Every structure is written in C-alpha cells, then in structure tokens.
C-alpha cells in the first residue's frame, strides 16, 4: 500500500491506472501498474514527489524523429523492447 504522499501524487499523475502494486526499493516507492493499456512503473521519493516513470512502447508509437534516427544509425535494426523514461525525455531501445 502506498504511503499518503506518494498515493496522492500517484492518483494525480496516473488517474485511471489499474492493477497498481507498490513496494519500497532503494529509498523510493516503486509502483507497477497499467495505464492507458501500457505496463508502467513510477518511482516516488518518500516525500511523495514523482521521481520518474517508465513505460514500454511499441515501435509504431515512437516519435518520427526517433524512428528516423534509429533508421539512420542502424542497418536493419531489430528492436525487441522500447522503454520511455519520462524524467529524462529519452527512449531506451533494447536489442
């Protein structure tokens, strides 16, 4: 169960999330849930502030600039997993 600070912020940022499960990990509250049909993980500090979130994406959900960059930098890439990391505005493509 989330402590009050993170619970309030979780509901603010991820309204409509389902199947939320939380645990404490390395000084953060980790919440794993489904939001807008995406498996998502959010990390909150113990004061209840959102530290960042991660969600898995499909290739066709990437911005065009990311798709172009991958095509230009890799010959015939096979992308197995894509994670969007919100606190950095970056995408992690895992081979």
PDB file of N, CA and C in Angstrom:
ATOM      1  N   UNK A   1       0.837  -1.188   0.000  1.00  0.00           N
ATOM      2  CA  UNK A   1       0.000   0.000   0.000  1.00  0.00           C
ATOM      3  C   UNK A   1       0.881   1.250   0.000  1.00  0.00           C
ATOM      4  N   UNK A   2       0.502   2.229  -0.759  1.00  0.00           N
ATOM      5  CA  UNK A   2       1.257   3.474  -0.828  1.00  0.00           C
ATOM      6  C   UNK A   2       1.079   4.301   0.439  1.00  0.00           C
ATOM      7  N   UNK A   3       2.150   4.968   0.877  1.00  0.00           N
ATOM      8  CA  UNK A   3       2.015   5.912   1.966  1.00  0.00           C
ATOM      9  C   UNK A   3       1.330   7.166   1.425  1.00  0.00           C
ATOM     10  N   UNK A   4       0.714   8.007   2.275  1.00  0.00           N
ATOM     11  CA  UNK A   4      -0.157   9.095   1.798  1.00  0.00           C
ATOM     12  C   UNK A   4       0.430  10.027   0.742  1.00  0.00           C
ATOM     13  N   UNK A   5       1.681  10.491   0.905  1.00  0.00           N
ATOM     14  CA  UNK A   5       2.258  11.425  -0.077  1.00  0.00           C
ATOM     15  C   UNK A   5       2.312  10.843  -1.477  1.00  0.00           C
ATOM     16  N   UNK A   6       2.972   9.689  -1.651  1.00  0.00           N
ATOM     17  CA  UNK A   6       3.012   9.079  -2.977  1.00  0.00           C
ATOM     18  C   UNK A   6       1.639   8.691  -3.504  1.00  0.00           C
ATOM     19  N   UNK A   7       0.738   8.250  -2.638  1.00  0.00           N
ATOM     20  CA  UNK A   7      -0.602   7.849  -3.101  1.00  0.00           C
ATOM     21  C   UNK A   7      -1.340   9.038  -3.720  1.00  0.00           C
ATOM     22  N   UNK A   8      -1.274  10.183  -3.081  1.00  0.00           N
ATOM     23  CA  UNK A   8      -1.935  11.381  -3.600  1.00  0.00           C
ATOM     24  C   UNK A   8      -1.339  11.778  -4.954  1.00  0.00           C
ATOM     25  N   UNK A   9      -0.021  11.783  -5.054  1.00  0.00           N
ATOM     26  CA  UNK A   9       0.633  12.145  -6.308  1.00  0.00           C
ATOM     27  C   UNK A   9       0.372  11.105  -7.394  1.00  0.00           C
ATOM     28  N   UNK A  10       0.381   9.832  -7.019  1.00  0.00           N
ATOM     29  CA  UNK A  10       0.088   8.767  -7.980  1.00  0.00           C
ATOM     30  C   UNK A  10      -1.287   8.995  -8.601  1.00  0.00           C
ATOM     31  N   UNK A  11      -2.286   9.240  -7.767  1.00  0.00           N
ATOM     32  CA  UNK A  11      -3.640   9.465  -8.275  1.00  0.00           C
ATOM     33  C   UNK A  11      -3.726  10.723  -9.133  1.00  0.00           C
ATOM     34  N   UNK A  12      -2.912  11.722  -8.819  1.00  0.00           N
ATOM     35  CA  UNK A  12      -2.883  12.961  -9.606  1.00  0.00           C
ATOM     36  C   UNK A  12      -2.296  12.720 -10.994  1.00  0.00           C
ATOM     37  N   UNK A  13      -1.160  12.048 -11.063  1.00  0.00           N
ATOM     38  CA  UNK A  13      -0.461  11.853 -12.333  1.00  0.00           C
ATOM     39  C   UNK A  13      -1.006  10.700 -13.167  1.00  0.00           C
ATOM     40  N   UNK A  14      -1.549   9.685 -12.526  1.00  0.00           N
ATOM     41  CA  UNK A  14      -1.929   8.469 -13.252  1.00  0.00           C
ATOM     42  C   UNK A  14      -3.387   8.083 -12.993  1.00  0.00           C
ATOM     43  N   UNK A  15      -4.281   9.050 -13.067  1.00  0.00           N
ATOM     44  CA  UNK A  15      -5.708   8.779 -12.864  1.00  0.00           C
ATOM     45  C   UNK A  15      -6.169   7.706 -13.843  1.00  0.00           C
ATOM     46  N   UNK A  16      -6.919   6.759 -13.340  1.00  0.00           N
ATOM     47  CA  UNK A  16      -7.422   5.688 -14.188  1.00  0.00           C
ATOM     48  C   UNK A  16      -6.521   4.471 -14.253  1.00  0.00           C
ATOM     49  N   UNK A  17      -5.388   4.510 -13.562  1.00  0.00           N
ATOM     50  CA  UNK A  17      -4.476   3.362 -13.555  1.00  0.00           C
ATOM     51  C   UNK A  17      -5.143   2.177 -12.868  1.00  0.00           C
ATOM     52  N   UNK A  18      -4.806   0.980 -13.331  1.00  0.00           N
ATOM     53  CA  UNK A  18      -5.365  -0.241 -12.732  1.00  0.00           C
ATOM     54  C   UNK A  18      -4.227  -1.188 -12.356  1.00  0.00           C
ATOM     55  N   UNK A  19      -4.558  -2.129 -11.495  1.00  0.00           N
ATOM     56  CA  UNK A  19      -3.621  -3.170 -11.059  1.00  0.00           C
ATOM     57  C   UNK A  19      -2.348  -2.602 -10.433  1.00  0.00           C
ATOM     58  N   UNK A  20      -2.473  -1.539  -9.664  1.00  0.00           N
ATOM     59  CA  UNK A  20      -1.300  -0.911  -9.041  1.00  0.00           C
ATOM     60  C   UNK A  20      -0.794  -1.742  -7.872  1.00  0.00           C
ATOM     61  N   UNK A  21       0.516  -1.976  -7.870  1.00  0.00           N
ATOM     62  CA  UNK A  21       1.189  -2.673  -6.785  1.00  0.00           C
ATOM     63  C   UNK A  21       2.430  -1.859  -6.421  1.00  0.00           C
ATOM     64  N   UNK A  22       2.636  -1.659  -5.132  1.00  0.00           N
ATOM     65  CA  UNK A  22       3.769  -0.831  -4.726  1.00  0.00           C
ATOM     66  C   UNK A  22       4.710  -1.588  -3.806  1.00  0.00           C
ATOM     67  N   UNK A  23       5.954  -1.130  -3.808  1.00  0.00           N
ATOM     68  CA  UNK A  23       6.973  -1.687  -2.926  1.00  0.00           C
ATOM     69  C   UNK A  23       8.021  -0.604  -2.696  1.00  0.00           C
ATOM     70  N   UNK A  24       8.828  -0.781  -1.662  1.00  0.00           N
ATOM     71  CA  UNK A  24       9.913   0.161  -1.423  1.00  0.00           C
ATOM     72  C   UNK A  24      11.178  -0.421  -2.019  1.00  0.00           C
ATOM     73  N   UNK A  25      11.910   0.426  -2.744  1.00  0.00           N
ATOM     74  CA  UNK A  25      13.118  -0.040  -3.425  1.00  0.00           C
ATOM     75  C   UNK A  25      14.150   1.078  -3.435  1.00  0.00           C
ATOM     76  N   UNK A  26      15.274   0.856  -2.809  1.00  0.00           N
ATOM     77  CA  UNK A  26      16.406   1.795  -2.809  1.00  0.00           C
ATOM     78  C   UNK A  26      15.999   3.206  -2.400  1.00  0.00           C
ATOM     79  N   UNK A  27      15.156   3.317  -1.380  1.00  0.00           N
ATOM     80  CA  UNK A  27      14.755   4.631  -0.892  1.00  0.00           C
ATOM     81  C   UNK A  27      13.654   5.296  -1.692  1.00  0.00           C
ATOM     82  N   UNK A  28      13.016   4.557  -2.573  1.00  0.00           N
ATOM     83  CA  UNK A  28      11.901   5.069  -3.362  1.00  0.00           C
ATOM     84  C   UNK A  28      10.706   4.139  -3.205  1.00  0.00           C
ATOM     85  N   UNK A  29       9.526   4.676  -3.481  1.00  0.00           N
ATOM     86  CA  UNK A  29       8.331   3.855  -3.588  1.00  0.00           C
ATOM     87  C   UNK A  29       8.169   3.546  -5.075  1.00  0.00           C
ATOM     88  N   UNK A  30       8.207   2.273  -5.415  1.00  0.00           N
ATOM     89  CA  UNK A  30       8.056   1.813  -6.795  1.00  0.00           C
ATOM     90  C   UNK A  30       6.618   1.327  -6.973  1.00  0.00           C
ATOM     91  N   UNK A  31       5.930   1.874  -7.970  1.00  0.00           N
ATOM     92  CA  UNK A  31       4.557   1.455  -8.250  1.00  0.00           C
ATOM     93  C   UNK A  31       4.505   0.900  -9.669  1.00  0.00           C
ATOM     94  N   UNK A  32       4.086  -0.351  -9.793  1.00  0.00           N
ATOM     95  CA  UNK A  32       3.925  -1.004 -11.088  1.00  0.00           C
ATOM     96  C   UNK A  32       2.430  -1.071 -11.362  1.00  0.00           C
ATOM     97  N   UNK A  33       2.008  -0.680 -12.575  1.00  0.00           N
ATOM     98  CA  UNK A  33       0.578  -0.604 -12.869  1.00  0.00           C
ATOM     99  C   UNK A  33       0.345  -0.590 -14.378  1.00  0.00           C
ATOM    100  N   UNK A  34      -0.911  -0.635 -14.752  1.00  0.00           N
ATOM    101  CA  UNK A  34      -1.297  -0.499 -16.149  1.00  0.00           C
ATOM    102  C   UNK A  34      -2.008   0.839 -16.289  1.00  0.00           C
ATOM    103  N   UNK A  35      -1.579   1.610 -17.273  1.00  0.00           N
ATOM    104  CA  UNK A  35      -2.161   2.937 -17.500  1.00  0.00           C
ATOM    105  C   UNK A  35      -2.263   3.146 -18.994  1.00  0.00           C
ATOM    106  N   UNK A  36      -3.457   3.439 -19.472  1.00  0.00           N
ATOM    107  CA  UNK A  36      -3.708   3.617 -20.909  1.00  0.00           C
ATOM    108  C   UNK A  36      -3.181   2.405 -21.692  1.00  0.00           C
ATOM    109  N   UNK A  37      -3.432   1.220 -21.147  1.00  0.00           N
ATOM    110  CA  UNK A  37      -3.055  -0.044 -21.770  1.00  0.00           C
ATOM    111  C   UNK A  37      -1.549  -0.270 -21.884  1.00  0.00           C
ATOM    112  N   UNK A  38      -0.768   0.444 -21.103  1.00  0.00           N
ATOM    113  CA  UNK A  38       0.686   0.273 -21.084  1.00  0.00           C
ATOM    114  C   UNK A  38       1.126  -0.182 -19.705  1.00  0.00           C
ATOM    115  N   UNK A  39       2.026  -1.151 -19.679  1.00  0.00           N
ATOM    116  CA  UNK A  39       2.656  -1.516 -18.413  1.00  0.00           C
ATOM    117  C   UNK A  39       3.573  -0.355 -18.043  1.00  0.00           C
ATOM    118  N   UNK A  40       3.395   0.174 -16.858  1.00  0.00           N
ATOM    119  CA  UNK A  40       4.107   1.382 -16.449  1.00  0.00           C
ATOM    120  C   UNK A  40       4.674   1.197 -15.049  1.00  0.00           C
ATOM    121  N   UNK A  41       5.818   1.819 -14.808  1.00  0.00           N
ATOM    122  CA  UNK A  41       6.431   1.836 -13.476  1.00  0.00           C
ATOM    123  C   UNK A  41       6.703   3.290 -13.123  1.00  0.00           C
ATOM    124  N   UNK A  42       6.298   3.698 -11.929  1.00  0.00           N
ATOM    125  CA  UNK A  42       6.576   5.055 -11.456  1.00  0.00           C
ATOM    126  C   UNK A  42       7.359   4.962 -10.150  1.00  0.00           C
ATOM    127  N   UNK A  43       8.283   5.897  -9.970  1.00  0.00           N
ATOM    128  CA  UNK A  43       9.076   5.969  -8.743  1.00  0.00           C
ATOM    129  C   UNK A  43       8.781   7.290  -8.049  1.00  0.00           C
ATOM    130  N   UNK A  44       8.487   7.205  -6.747  1.00  0.00           N
ATOM    131  CA  UNK A  44       8.229   8.384  -5.932  1.00  0.00           C
ATOM    132  C   UNK A  44       9.229   8.404  -4.789  1.00  0.00           C
ATOM    133  N   UNK A  45       9.697   9.616  -4.420  1.00  0.00           N
ATOM    134  CA  UNK A  45      10.528   9.686  -3.227  1.00  0.00           C
ATOM    135  C   UNK A  45       9.615   9.573  -2.010  1.00  0.00           C
ATOM    136  N   UNK A  46      10.183   9.446  -0.840  1.00  0.00           N
ATOM    137  CA  UNK A  46       9.376   9.224   0.354  1.00  0.00           C
ATOM    138  C   UNK A  46       8.577  10.454   0.766  1.00  0.00           C
ATOM    139  N   UNK A  47       8.858  11.609   0.160  1.00  0.00           N
ATOM    140  CA  UNK A  47       8.062  12.815   0.395  1.00  0.00           C
ATOM    141  C   UNK A  47       6.844  12.860  -0.515  1.00  0.00           C
ATOM    142  N   UNK A  48       6.731  11.896  -1.415  1.00  0.00           N
ATOM    143  CA  UNK A  48       5.574  11.832  -2.299  1.00  0.00           C
ATOM    144  C   UNK A  48       5.782  12.469  -3.652  1.00  0.00           C
ATOM    145  N   UNK A  49       6.982  12.940  -3.944  1.00  0.00           N
ATOM    146  CA  UNK A  49       7.236  13.583  -5.234  1.00  0.00           C
ATOM    147  C   UNK A  49       7.576  12.547  -6.295  1.00  0.00           C
ATOM    148  N   UNK A  50       7.019  12.726  -7.485  1.00  0.00           N
ATOM    149  CA  UNK A  50       7.299  11.824  -8.594  1.00  0.00           C
ATOM    150  C   UNK A  50       8.745  12.006  -9.038  1.00  0.00           C
ATOM    151  N   UNK A  51       9.524  10.937  -8.995  1.00  0.00           N
ATOM    152  CA  UNK A  51      10.927  10.995  -9.410  1.00  0.00           C
ATOM    153  C   UNK A  51      11.074  10.647 -10.886  1.00  0.00           C
ATOM    154  N   UNK A  52      10.172   9.848 -11.411  1.00  0.00           N
ATOM    155  CA  UNK A  52      10.233   9.473 -12.818  1.00  0.00           C
ATOM    156  C   UNK A  52       9.341   8.274 -13.086  1.00  0.00           C
ATOM    157  N   UNK A  53       9.140   7.995 -14.356  1.00  0.00           N
ATOM    158  CA  UNK A  53       8.332   6.836 -14.725  1.00  0.00           C
ATOM    159  C   UNK A  53       8.879   6.208 -15.996  1.00  0.00           C
ATOM    160  N   UNK A  54       8.536   4.949 -16.166  1.00  0.00           N
ATOM    161  CA  UNK A  54       8.996   4.177 -17.313  1.00  0.00           C
ATOM    162  C   UNK A  54       7.797   3.427 -17.876  1.00  0.00           C
ATOM    163  N   UNK A  55       7.651   3.423 -19.196  1.00  0.00           N
ATOM    164  CA  UNK A  55       6.608   2.601 -19.800  1.00  0.00           C
ATOM    165  C   UNK A  55       7.147   1.943 -21.050  1.00  0.00           C
ATOM    166  N   UNK A  56       6.633   0.785 -21.333  1.00  0.00           N
ATOM    167  CA  UNK A  56       7.014   0.069 -22.543  1.00  0.00           C
ATOM    168  C   UNK A  56       6.195   0.587 -23.709  1.00  0.00           C
ATOM    169  N   UNK A  57       6.825   0.689 -24.868  1.00  0.00           N
ATOM    170  CA  UNK A  57       6.157   1.163 -26.085  1.00  0.00           C
ATOM    171  C   UNK A  57       6.366   0.173 -27.218  1.00  0.00           C
ATOM    172  N   UNK A  58       5.546   0.309 -28.244  1.00  0.00           N
ATOM    173  CA  UNK A  58       5.740  -0.412 -29.489  1.00  0.00           C
ATOM    174  C   UNK A  58       6.466   0.508 -30.466  1.00  0.00           C
ATOM    175  N   UNK A  59       7.137  -0.055 -31.448  1.00  0.00           N
ATOM    176  CA  UNK A  59       7.904   0.733 -32.417  1.00  0.00           C
ATOM    177  C   UNK A  59       7.032   1.797 -33.075  1.00  0.00           C
ATOM    178  N   UNK A  60       5.793   1.460 -33.427  1.00  0.00           N
ATOM    179  CA  UNK A  60       4.935   2.423 -34.129  1.00  0.00           C
ATOM    180  C   UNK A  60       4.452   3.559 -33.227  1.00  0.00           C
ATOM    181  N   UNK A  61       4.798   3.525 -31.944  1.00  0.00           N
ATOM    182  CA  UNK A  61       4.428   4.599 -31.029  1.00  0.00           C
ATOM    183  C   UNK A  61       5.554   5.604 -30.804  1.00  0.00           C
ATOM    184  N   UNK A  62       6.695   5.358 -31.411  1.00  0.00           N
ATOM    185  CA  UNK A  62       7.815   6.285 -31.272  1.00  0.00           C
ATOM    186  C   UNK A  62       7.581   7.555 -32.080  1.00  0.00           C
ATOM    187  N   UNK A  63       8.075   8.683 -31.602  1.00  0.00           N
ATOM    188  CA  UNK A  63       8.016   9.901 -32.406  1.00  0.00           C
ATOM    189  C   UNK A  63       8.784   9.698 -33.717  1.00  0.00           C
ATOM    190  N   UNK A  64       8.387  10.387 -34.765  1.00  0.00           N
ATOM    191  CA  UNK A  64       9.046  10.245 -36.065  1.00  0.00           C
ATOM    192  C   UNK A  64      10.537  10.557 -35.989  1.00  0.00           C
ATOM    193  N   UNK A  65      10.912  11.531 -35.179  1.00  0.00           N
ATOM    194  CA  UNK A  65      12.334  11.887 -35.084  1.00  0.00           C
ATOM    195  C   UNK A  65      13.157  10.724 -34.517  1.00  0.00           C
ATOM    196  N   UNK A  66      12.592   9.979 -33.580  1.00  0.00           N
ATOM    197  CA  UNK A  66      13.303   8.831 -33.017  1.00  0.00           C
ATOM    198  C   UNK A  66      13.382   7.712 -34.055  1.00  0.00           C
ATOM    199  N   UNK A  67      12.288   7.456 -34.751  1.00  0.00           N
ATOM    200  CA  UNK A  67      12.264   6.427 -35.791  1.00  0.00           C
ATOM    201  C   UNK A  67      13.304   6.718 -36.866  1.00  0.00           C
ATOM    202  N   UNK A  68      13.364   7.967 -37.324  1.00  0.00           N
ATOM    203  CA  UNK A  68      14.355   8.352 -38.332  1.00  0.00           C
ATOM    204  C   UNK A  68      15.778   8.169 -37.827  1.00  0.00           C
ATOM    205  N   UNK A  69      16.009   8.563 -36.598  1.00  0.00           N
ATOM    206  CA  UNK A  69      17.343   8.444 -36.019  1.00  0.00           C
ATOM    207  C   UNK A  69      17.781   6.980 -35.949  1.00  0.00           C
ATOM    208  N   UNK A  70      16.885   6.104 -35.561  1.00  0.00           N
ATOM    209  CA  UNK A  70      17.215   4.674 -35.492  1.00  0.00           C
ATOM    210  C   UNK A  70      17.522   4.148 -36.888  1.00  0.00           C
ATOM    211  N   UNK A  71      16.705   4.506 -37.865  1.00  0.00           N
ATOM    212  CA  UNK A  71      16.924   4.038 -39.232  1.00  0.00           C
ATOM    213  C   UNK A  71      18.233   4.559 -39.810  1.00  0.00           C
ATOM    214  N   UNK A  72      18.615   5.779 -39.462  1.00  0.00           N
ATOM    215  CA  UNK A  72      19.844   6.363 -39.977  1.00  0.00           C
ATOM    216  C   UNK A  72      21.089   5.785 -39.313  1.00  0.00           C
ATOM    217  N   UNK A  73      20.966   5.384 -38.063  1.00  0.00           N
ATOM    218  CA  UNK A  73      22.137   4.946 -37.300  1.00  0.00           C
ATOM    219  C   UNK A  73      22.335   3.437 -37.229  1.00  0.00           C
ATOM    220  N   UNK A  74      21.321   2.680 -37.621  1.00  0.00           N
ATOM    221  CA  UNK A  74      21.421   1.227 -37.537  1.00  0.00           C
ATOM    222  C   UNK A  74      20.884   0.607 -38.827  1.00  0.00           C
ATOM    223  N   UNK A  75      21.619  -0.350 -39.370  1.00  0.00           N
ATOM    224  CA  UNK A  75      21.190  -1.013 -40.585  1.00  0.00           C
ATOM    225  C   UNK A  75      20.260  -2.170 -40.205  1.00  0.00           C
ATOM    226  N   UNK A  76      19.036  -2.143 -40.697  1.00  0.00           N
ATOM    227  CA  UNK A  76      18.038  -3.178 -40.434  1.00  0.00           C
ATOM    228  C   UNK A  76      17.926  -3.532 -38.943  1.00  0.00           C
ATOM    229  N   UNK A  77      17.578  -2.559 -38.114  1.00  0.00           N
ATOM    230  CA  UNK A  77      17.519  -2.834 -36.681  1.00  0.00           C
ATOM    231  C   UNK A  77      16.371  -3.787 -36.329  1.00  0.00           C
ATOM    232  N   UNK A  78      16.628  -4.648 -35.381  1.00  0.00           N
ATOM    233  CA  UNK A  78      15.583  -5.497 -34.814  1.00  0.00           C
ATOM    234  C   UNK A  78      15.404  -5.017 -33.378  1.00  0.00           C
ATOM    235  N   UNK A  79      14.310  -4.352 -33.130  1.00  0.00           N
ATOM    236  CA  UNK A  79      14.053  -3.786 -31.809  1.00  0.00           C
ATOM    237  C   UNK A  79      13.164  -4.756 -31.037  1.00  0.00           C
ATOM    238  N   UNK A  80      13.642  -5.188 -29.890  1.00  0.00           N
ATOM    239  CA  UNK A  80      12.914  -6.147 -29.075  1.00  0.00           C
ATOM    240  C   UNK A  80      12.088  -5.447 -27.995  1.00  0.00           C
ATOM    241  N   UNK A  81      12.624  -4.362 -27.460  1.00  0.00           N
ATOM    242  CA  UNK A  81      11.959  -3.684 -26.363  1.00  0.00           C
ATOM    243  C   UNK A  81      12.258  -2.195 -26.415  1.00  0.00           C
ATOM    244  N   UNK A  82      11.235  -1.385 -26.135  1.00  0.00           N
ATOM    245  CA  UNK A  82      11.396   0.074 -26.090  1.00  0.00           C
ATOM    246  C   UNK A  82      10.829   0.558 -24.767  1.00  0.00           C
ATOM    247  N   UNK A  83      11.596   1.367 -24.068  1.00  0.00           N
ATOM    248  CA  UNK A  83      11.134   1.955 -22.812  1.00  0.00           C
ATOM    249  C   UNK A  83      11.247   3.465 -22.892  1.00  0.00           C
ATOM    250  N   UNK A  84      10.173   4.129 -22.558  1.00  0.00           N
ATOM    251  CA  UNK A  84      10.166   5.582 -22.474  1.00  0.00           C
ATOM    252  C   UNK A  84      10.428   5.960 -21.016  1.00  0.00           C
ATOM    253  N   UNK A  85      11.477   6.748 -20.791  1.00  0.00           N
ATOM    254  CA  UNK A  85      11.841   7.181 -19.445  1.00  0.00           C
ATOM    255  C   UNK A  85      11.462   8.650 -19.339  1.00  0.00           C
ATOM    256  N   UNK A  86      10.438   8.949 -18.549  1.00  0.00           N
ATOM    257  CA  UNK A  86       9.841  10.278 -18.588  1.00  0.00           C
ATOM    258  C   UNK A  86      10.671  11.374 -17.952  1.00  0.00           C
ATOM    259  N   UNK A  87      11.445  11.086 -16.924  1.00  0.00           N
ATOM    260  CA  UNK A  87      12.170  12.169 -16.265  1.00  0.00           C
ATOM    261  C   UNK A  87      13.382  12.638 -17.060  1.00  0.00           C
ATOM    262  N   UNK A  88      13.739  11.921 -18.115  1.00  0.00           N
ATOM    263  CA  UNK A  88      14.869  12.320 -18.941  1.00  0.00           C
ATOM    264  C   UNK A  88      14.446  12.670 -20.357  1.00  0.00           C
ATOM    265  N   UNK A  89      13.214  12.351 -20.720  1.00  0.00           N
ATOM    266  CA  UNK A  89      12.753  12.605 -22.079  1.00  0.00           C
ATOM    267  C   UNK A  89      13.525  11.803 -23.115  1.00  0.00           C
ATOM    268  N   UNK A  90      13.960  10.617 -22.744  1.00  0.00           N
ATOM    269  CA  UNK A  90      14.757   9.774 -23.629  1.00  0.00           C
ATOM    270  C   UNK A  90      14.039   8.456 -23.882  1.00  0.00           C
ATOM    271  N   UNK A  91      14.470   7.775 -24.923  1.00  0.00           N
ATOM    272  CA  UNK A  91      13.929   6.466 -25.244  1.00  0.00           C
ATOM    273  C   UNK A  91      15.064   5.456 -25.194  1.00  0.00           C
ATOM    274  N   UNK A  92      14.817   4.314 -24.602  1.00  0.00           N
ATOM    275  CA  UNK A  92      15.802   3.257 -24.499  1.00  0.00           C
ATOM    276  C   UNK A  92      15.338   2.096 -25.361  1.00  0.00           C
ATOM    277  N   UNK A  93      16.090   1.791 -26.421  1.00  0.00           N
ATOM    278  CA  UNK A  93      15.774   0.676 -27.293  1.00  0.00           C
ATOM    279  C   UNK A  93      16.707  -0.465 -26.939  1.00  0.00           C
ATOM    280  N   UNK A  94      16.135  -1.601 -26.604  1.00  0.00           N
ATOM    281  CA  UNK A  94      16.936  -2.751 -26.171  1.00  0.00           C
ATOM    282  C   UNK A  94      16.998  -3.780 -27.311  1.00  0.00           C
ATOM    283  N   UNK A  95      18.212  -4.169 -27.712  1.00  0.00           N
ATOM    284  CA  UNK A  95      18.331  -5.181 -28.776  1.00  0.00           C
ATOM    285  C   UNK A  95      17.985  -6.560 -28.242  1.00  0.00           C
TER     286      UNK A  95
END
